Protein backbone atom coordinates (compact mmCIF):
# COMPACT_ATOMS: atom_id res chain seq x y z
CA MET A 1 95.43 126.80 88.38
CA ALA A 2 96.87 124.63 91.15
CA ALA A 3 96.70 121.46 89.09
CA SER A 4 98.57 123.16 86.15
CA ALA A 5 101.19 124.30 88.92
CA ALA A 6 101.51 121.01 90.09
CA VAL A 7 101.85 119.31 86.45
CA ASP A 8 104.49 121.97 85.73
CA GLU A 9 106.56 121.13 88.90
CA LEU A 10 106.24 117.46 88.07
CA SER A 11 107.86 117.74 84.64
CA ARG A 12 110.64 119.71 86.24
CA ASN A 13 110.99 117.08 89.04
CA PHE A 14 111.38 114.51 86.75
CA THR A 15 114.64 113.75 84.88
CA TYR A 16 115.45 111.20 82.28
CA TRP A 17 118.96 109.50 81.79
CA SER A 18 119.94 110.32 78.42
CA PRO A 19 120.57 107.33 75.84
CA GLY A 20 123.83 106.50 75.24
CA ALA A 21 126.40 103.72 75.10
CA GLY A 22 126.35 103.46 79.01
CA ASN A 23 122.77 102.51 79.22
CA GLY A 24 121.87 99.25 80.64
CA SER A 25 125.19 98.56 82.27
CA LEU A 26 127.14 99.82 85.34
CA SER A 27 129.24 102.06 83.37
CA GLY A 28 130.73 105.50 84.27
CA ALA A 29 127.87 107.48 82.39
CA TRP A 30 125.35 105.29 84.46
CA TYR A 31 127.17 106.30 87.60
CA LEU A 32 127.17 109.91 87.09
CA GLY A 33 123.61 109.97 86.06
CA ASN A 34 122.57 108.07 89.14
CA GLN A 35 124.42 109.47 92.05
CA ILE A 36 121.38 110.24 94.02
CA HIS A 37 119.82 106.79 93.40
CA LEU A 38 122.90 104.96 94.38
CA SER A 39 123.00 107.03 97.69
CA GLY A 40 119.71 105.44 97.97
CA VAL A 41 120.76 101.96 97.53
CA LEU A 42 124.11 102.32 99.69
CA LEU A 43 121.61 103.53 102.61
CA ALA A 44 119.27 100.67 101.84
CA ILE A 45 121.95 98.05 101.87
CA LEU A 46 123.69 99.32 104.88
CA GLY A 47 120.66 99.61 106.94
CA ASN A 48 119.68 96.05 105.91
CA LEU A 49 123.01 94.58 106.88
CA VAL A 50 123.00 96.47 110.21
CA MET A 51 119.51 95.12 111.10
CA SER A 52 121.01 91.59 110.41
CA ILE A 53 123.75 92.12 113.03
CA SER A 54 121.06 93.49 115.47
CA LEU A 55 118.97 90.46 115.05
CA ASN A 56 121.85 88.26 115.48
CA ILE A 57 123.24 90.19 118.48
CA GLN A 58 119.77 89.92 120.11
CA LYS A 59 119.66 86.15 119.16
CA TYR A 60 123.04 85.72 120.98
CA SER A 61 122.16 87.75 124.05
CA HIS A 62 118.95 84.97 124.27
CA VAL A 63 121.24 82.07 124.12
CA GLN A 64 123.56 83.57 126.78
CA LEU A 65 120.56 84.27 129.01
CA ALA A 66 119.35 80.58 128.46
CA HIS A 67 122.61 79.17 129.51
CA GLN A 68 122.50 81.03 132.99
CA GLU A 69 121.55 79.09 135.87
CA HIS A 70 119.33 81.91 137.06
CA PRO A 71 118.32 83.89 133.76
CA GLY A 72 116.87 87.47 134.26
CA PRO A 73 114.51 89.56 131.86
CA TYR A 74 116.14 89.84 128.28
CA PHE A 75 115.44 93.55 128.46
CA LYS A 76 118.29 93.81 131.47
CA SER A 77 120.93 92.52 128.95
CA VAL A 78 123.12 95.13 127.51
CA LEU A 79 123.75 93.02 124.39
CA TRP A 80 119.95 93.07 123.68
CA TRP A 81 119.81 96.82 124.04
CA ALA A 82 122.90 97.23 121.68
CA GLY A 83 120.94 95.20 119.02
CA THR A 84 117.78 97.13 119.61
CA ALA A 85 120.02 100.33 119.00
CA LEU A 86 121.54 99.02 115.90
CA MET A 87 118.16 97.71 114.77
CA ALA A 88 116.91 101.61 114.93
CA MET A 89 119.87 102.69 113.09
CA GLY A 90 119.21 100.09 110.38
CA GLU A 91 115.65 101.19 110.13
CA THR A 92 116.64 104.91 110.00
CA GLY A 93 118.79 104.01 107.01
CA ASN A 94 116.15 102.27 105.15
CA PHE A 95 113.60 105.41 105.98
CA ALA A 96 116.41 107.85 104.42
CA ALA A 97 116.91 105.48 101.44
CA TYR A 98 113.34 106.17 100.30
CA GLY A 99 114.01 109.89 100.00
CA PHE A 100 116.76 109.31 97.50
CA ALA A 101 115.56 106.30 95.27
CA PRO A 102 112.32 104.87 93.96
CA ILE A 103 110.26 102.37 95.74
CA THR A 104 110.79 99.98 93.12
CA LEU A 105 114.68 100.06 93.71
CA ILE A 106 114.53 100.13 97.63
CA ALA A 107 112.08 97.81 98.44
CA PRO A 108 113.40 94.66 96.89
CA LEU A 109 116.74 95.40 98.84
CA GLY A 110 115.29 93.68 101.63
CA CYS A 111 116.67 90.38 100.57
CA MET A 112 120.22 91.62 101.95
CA SER A 113 118.89 91.32 105.51
CA VAL A 114 117.97 87.79 105.27
CA THR A 115 121.22 86.66 103.60
CA GLY A 116 123.35 89.10 105.73
CA SER A 117 121.79 87.56 108.72
CA ALA A 118 122.89 83.87 107.45
CA ILE A 119 126.21 85.01 106.88
CA ILE A 120 126.65 86.49 110.28
CA SER A 121 125.14 83.53 111.91
CA VAL A 122 127.65 81.07 110.16
CA MET A 123 130.51 83.22 111.11
CA PHE A 124 129.58 84.14 114.70
CA LEU A 125 127.00 81.67 115.86
CA LYS A 126 128.77 78.75 114.36
CA GLU A 127 125.67 77.68 112.39
CA ASN A 128 125.77 75.07 109.53
CA LEU A 129 126.59 76.32 106.18
CA ARG A 130 124.53 74.31 103.75
CA ALA A 131 124.92 74.31 100.18
CA SER A 132 121.29 75.65 99.56
CA ASP A 133 122.77 78.68 101.65
CA LEU A 134 125.67 79.32 99.25
CA LEU A 135 123.05 78.77 96.03
CA GLY A 136 120.55 81.23 97.75
CA MET A 137 123.10 83.75 98.41
CA THR A 138 124.68 83.49 94.90
CA LEU A 139 121.14 84.02 93.46
CA ALA A 140 120.21 86.87 95.98
CA PHE A 141 123.22 88.67 95.11
CA ALA A 142 122.62 88.23 91.20
CA GLY A 143 119.00 89.42 91.46
CA THR A 144 120.35 92.76 93.70
CA TYR A 145 122.71 93.22 90.87
CA LEU A 146 120.06 93.16 88.06
CA LEU A 147 117.54 95.35 90.45
CA VAL A 148 120.22 98.02 90.86
CA ASN A 149 121.24 97.95 87.24
CA PHE A 150 117.66 97.88 85.77
CA ALA A 151 115.45 99.54 88.07
CA PRO A 152 113.75 102.75 86.74
CA ASN A 153 116.29 105.48 85.99
CA ARG A 154 113.91 108.21 86.72
CA SER A 155 114.82 110.80 89.19
CA GLN A 156 112.03 112.59 91.15
CA SER A 157 112.09 115.16 93.64
CA ILE A 158 109.28 114.56 96.27
CA SER A 159 107.61 117.92 97.30
CA ALA A 160 104.27 118.48 99.05
CA ARG A 161 102.69 119.66 95.73
CA THR A 162 103.97 116.38 93.79
CA VAL A 163 102.41 114.08 96.85
CA HIS A 164 99.38 115.90 96.77
CA TYR A 165 98.78 115.76 93.29
CA TYR A 166 99.70 111.91 93.27
CA PHE A 167 97.17 111.54 96.42
CA VAL A 168 94.12 113.21 94.59
CA GLY A 169 94.93 111.30 91.35
CA TRP A 170 92.27 108.75 89.85
CA GLN A 171 94.85 106.01 89.69
CA PHE A 172 95.58 105.96 93.33
CA LEU A 173 91.90 106.54 94.10
CA ILE A 174 90.93 103.42 92.21
CA TYR A 175 94.05 101.49 93.95
CA VAL A 176 92.85 102.41 97.22
CA ILE A 177 89.14 101.47 96.79
CA LEU A 178 90.23 97.96 95.51
CA GLU A 179 92.64 97.48 98.40
CA ILE A 180 90.03 98.80 100.91
CA LEU A 181 87.42 95.98 99.45
CA ILE A 182 90.15 93.23 99.51
CA PHE A 183 91.19 94.21 103.02
CA CYS A 184 87.65 93.93 104.39
CA ILE A 185 86.93 90.89 102.75
CA LEU A 186 89.97 89.28 104.23
CA LEU A 187 89.50 90.81 107.40
CA TYR A 188 85.96 89.42 107.69
CA PHE A 189 87.10 85.98 107.00
CA HIS A 190 89.88 86.34 109.53
CA LYS A 191 87.83 87.92 112.45
CA ARG A 192 83.95 86.38 111.90
CA LYS A 193 85.03 83.08 110.39
CA GLY A 194 88.00 82.38 112.25
CA VAL A 195 90.31 81.73 109.17
CA LYS A 196 93.85 82.13 110.20
CA HIS A 197 95.62 80.87 107.15
CA MET A 198 99.17 82.17 106.82
CA VAL A 199 98.33 83.45 103.22
CA ILE A 200 95.46 85.58 104.52
CA LEU A 201 97.53 87.07 107.47
CA LEU A 202 100.43 88.19 105.29
CA THR A 203 98.27 89.40 102.55
CA LEU A 204 96.71 91.69 105.03
CA VAL A 205 100.32 92.83 106.04
CA ALA A 206 101.21 93.42 102.37
CA LEU A 207 98.06 95.53 101.72
CA LEU A 208 98.98 97.53 104.69
CA ALA A 209 102.50 97.65 103.61
CA SER A 210 101.61 99.29 100.44
CA LEU A 211 100.31 102.15 102.40
CA THR A 212 103.24 102.15 104.45
CA VAL A 213 105.95 102.63 101.51
CA ILE A 214 104.04 105.20 100.04
CA SER A 215 103.95 107.43 103.02
CA VAL A 216 107.32 106.57 103.87
CA LYS A 217 108.66 107.60 100.66
CA ALA A 218 106.42 110.66 101.06
CA VAL A 219 107.59 111.82 104.38
CA SER A 220 111.20 110.93 103.56
CA GLY A 221 111.09 112.72 100.45
CA MET A 222 109.63 115.87 101.82
CA ILE A 223 112.07 115.92 104.66
CA THR A 224 115.04 115.59 102.13
CA PHE A 225 113.35 118.28 99.69
CA SER A 226 113.38 120.57 102.73
CA VAL A 227 116.91 120.04 103.82
CA MET A 228 118.00 120.20 100.39
CA ASP A 229 115.72 122.78 98.56
CA GLN A 230 112.57 124.26 100.27
CA MET A 231 110.78 123.89 103.47
CA GLN A 232 107.88 121.40 103.00
CA LEU A 233 106.95 120.51 106.54
CA THR A 234 104.35 123.36 106.80
CA TYR A 235 102.17 121.68 104.18
CA PRO A 236 99.09 119.57 105.80
CA ILE A 237 99.81 116.63 103.25
CA PHE A 238 103.12 116.16 105.35
CA TYR A 239 101.21 115.28 108.39
CA ILE A 240 98.56 113.36 106.55
CA MET A 241 101.47 111.08 105.54
CA CYS A 242 102.97 110.79 108.65
CA ILE A 243 99.61 109.38 110.46
CA ILE A 244 99.24 107.13 107.41
CA MET A 245 102.70 105.90 108.12
CA ILE A 246 102.30 105.33 111.74
CA ALA A 247 98.82 103.61 111.70
CA SER A 248 99.68 101.28 108.76
CA CYS A 249 102.96 100.19 110.70
CA VAL A 250 101.21 99.50 113.82
CA PHE A 251 98.44 97.29 112.23
CA GLN A 252 101.10 95.67 110.14
CA VAL A 253 103.22 94.52 112.94
CA LYS A 254 99.99 93.26 114.78
CA PHE A 255 99.12 90.93 111.73
CA LEU A 256 102.74 89.95 111.21
CA ASN A 257 102.99 88.91 115.04
CA GLN A 258 99.95 86.67 114.56
CA ALA A 259 101.47 84.98 111.51
CA THR A 260 104.65 84.39 113.51
CA LYS A 261 102.71 82.94 116.30
CA LEU A 262 100.96 80.42 114.34
CA TYR A 263 103.39 79.34 111.60
CA ASN A 264 107.26 78.67 111.61
CA THR A 265 109.46 81.56 110.89
CA THR A 266 111.26 79.69 108.05
CA MET A 267 107.65 79.86 106.32
CA VAL A 268 106.72 83.15 107.28
CA VAL A 269 109.88 85.28 106.51
CA PRO A 270 110.09 84.29 102.57
CA VAL A 271 106.59 84.47 102.08
CA ASN A 272 106.31 87.83 103.99
CA HIS A 273 109.29 89.23 101.84
CA VAL A 274 107.64 88.27 98.36
CA PHE A 275 104.16 89.49 99.39
CA PHE A 276 105.84 92.87 100.79
CA THR A 277 108.27 93.31 98.05
CA THR A 278 105.48 92.79 95.44
CA SER A 279 103.11 94.94 97.21
CA ALA A 280 105.54 97.91 97.51
CA ILE A 281 106.55 97.43 93.63
CA ILE A 282 102.95 97.64 92.89
CA ALA A 283 102.57 101.04 94.77
CA GLY A 284 105.53 102.45 93.46
CA ILE A 285 104.22 101.96 90.03
CA ILE A 286 100.54 103.23 90.61
CA PHE A 287 101.23 106.08 93.20
CA TYR A 288 104.62 107.57 91.97
CA GLN A 289 104.36 105.99 88.29
CA GLU A 290 107.98 104.72 88.44
CA PHE A 291 107.80 102.75 85.45
CA LEU A 292 106.38 105.37 83.26
CA GLY A 293 108.35 105.43 79.93
CA ALA A 294 110.45 102.45 80.83
CA ALA A 295 111.59 100.00 77.91
CA PHE A 296 109.92 96.37 77.86
CA VAL A 297 113.53 94.87 78.11
CA THR A 298 114.46 96.90 81.17
CA VAL A 299 110.94 95.85 83.03
CA PHE A 300 111.49 92.30 82.12
CA ILE A 301 114.94 91.99 83.35
CA TYR A 302 114.22 94.06 86.53
CA PHE A 303 111.38 91.47 87.40
CA PHE A 304 113.75 88.77 86.62
CA GLY A 305 116.24 90.21 89.15
CA CYS A 306 113.06 90.16 91.73
CA PHE A 307 112.36 86.53 90.96
CA LEU A 308 116.09 85.60 91.59
CA SER A 309 116.32 87.53 95.00
CA PHE A 310 112.79 85.90 95.86
CA LEU A 311 114.25 82.56 95.17
CA GLY A 312 117.50 83.09 96.94
CA VAL A 313 115.32 84.27 100.24
CA PHE A 314 113.42 80.91 99.94
CA LEU A 315 116.70 79.01 99.81
CA VAL A 316 118.41 80.49 102.76
CA THR A 317 115.42 80.24 105.11
CA ARG A 318 114.43 76.95 103.80
CA SER A 319 114.24 74.36 106.67
CA ARG A 320 116.99 76.47 108.62
CA GLU A 321 115.23 76.03 112.33
CA LYS A 322 114.19 72.26 111.69
CA GLU A 323 118.11 71.33 112.17
CA HIS A 324 117.81 72.87 115.83
CA LEU A 325 114.55 70.83 116.86
CA PRO A 326 114.93 68.26 119.68
CA GLN A 327 114.72 64.70 119.20
CA SER A 328 111.16 63.30 119.12
CA TYR A 329 112.14 60.45 121.28
CA ILE A 330 113.72 59.43 124.72
CA ASP A 331 116.96 57.37 124.31
CA PHE A 332 117.74 55.09 127.86
CA GLY A 333 120.97 54.20 126.21
CA ASN A 334 122.55 51.03 127.09
CA ILE A 335 121.79 49.76 130.63
CA PRO A 336 124.09 47.07 131.83
CA GLY A 337 122.21 43.72 132.18
CA LYS A 338 119.08 45.05 130.88
CA GLN A 339 117.25 44.18 127.54
CA MET A 340 115.80 47.33 125.89
CA LEU A 341 113.07 46.87 123.21
CA ASP A 342 113.34 50.18 121.51
CA LYS A 343 113.46 54.07 122.08
CA ILE A 344 110.31 55.22 123.94
CA GLN A 345 108.21 58.01 122.25
CA PRO A 346 106.82 60.65 124.83
CA ASP A 347 103.07 60.87 125.19
CA SER A 348 101.73 64.37 125.59
CA ASN A 349 98.27 63.23 126.42
CA GLY A 350 98.87 61.22 129.37
CA LEU A 351 100.87 60.90 132.85
CA SER A 352 102.86 57.95 131.41
CA TYR A 353 106.25 58.01 129.24
CA GLY A 354 104.43 57.05 126.32
CA THR A 355 104.14 54.12 123.95
CA LEU A 356 106.48 51.86 122.01
CA PRO A 357 107.00 52.69 118.30
CA ASP A 358 105.07 49.69 117.33
CA GLY A 359 101.85 51.23 118.75
CA SER A 360 101.64 48.82 121.97
CA VAL A 361 100.48 50.40 125.31
CA SER A 362 102.61 52.46 127.56
CA THR A 363 105.10 50.94 129.56
CA LYS A 364 103.68 52.11 132.62
CA SER A 365 100.42 50.22 132.04
CA GLN A 366 102.34 47.09 130.68
CA SER A 367 103.89 47.28 134.26
CA GLY A 368 100.69 47.63 136.26
CA GLU A 369 98.95 44.62 134.44
CA LYS A 370 102.04 42.43 135.32
CA LYS A 371 101.65 43.10 138.76
CA GLU A 372 97.79 42.38 138.92
CA ASP A 373 98.72 38.82 137.45
């Protein structure tokens, strides 16, 4: 009886866009049929842009502290706290977006955070604008256009019964079992064998992220349903999803921090974006069945838009931090009356200044030998 009631509710919750001349393009008919989805899209884009601003404000506060003669703790900076407050606002916008639109539409929009951060850093932090940045931003915007236009046009009200029906479904149970097996195998190699490769760490993050987006959409959707229709916060499934959301977020941050400590941010950010988005899309397809009944051409163009956004993120983040690395040598410059042989490389393993580029012994040891002669 409960299962049939859930199926009936699902059939009422799903609405499909009616076929017509406006399908597959940003036409007036498309807007009328997707106003709720567009609310989610706008919330996600604004949330990602606000997070971009917050990251750059925090970065600027660290730069200001570094230039002070006696820098204090960063958490005493007003700018840093302003950036933190904006970060919380952006995350809130992303959280709310999942209550209005499918996971497969919201998750890929994370590329807006990367491209927005690049634009802001060029405008306000005076960083260099490269040709690869312009190409990457163009590809990311083109991919976003395709994602918004060709994402699943299937609206679904997320009630407690809907979430419970999906939670005990055989598709999700098989998915969770496979995910747990892969997670345990990777965790064994990471903990027992000491394998700390970036792909393993970010795969662990992505596996947890799939549970995060499922639970975030469930919690956000039930809150939205409670506000707009009927109270859903009294059902146990709401609190189960809250626990899954918090736990998966905590461990996700743990593994992501390990990856950023071991590897360059310019490598971690694009790979994590691809892994997270792919995992979120798979979770949306399996748990919420968001591509059910979609045409092949629509699915193909959607994934092509994902590919463009992935490529754009790689181009924007490629070798960005390498431009700010310090020189790997000490240049004495021109000293009047002295003949300089070359620039001297610093030696991190000894007390001397280092060796000349041709591999000869350190200048300190050379001077010692001359004194003995």
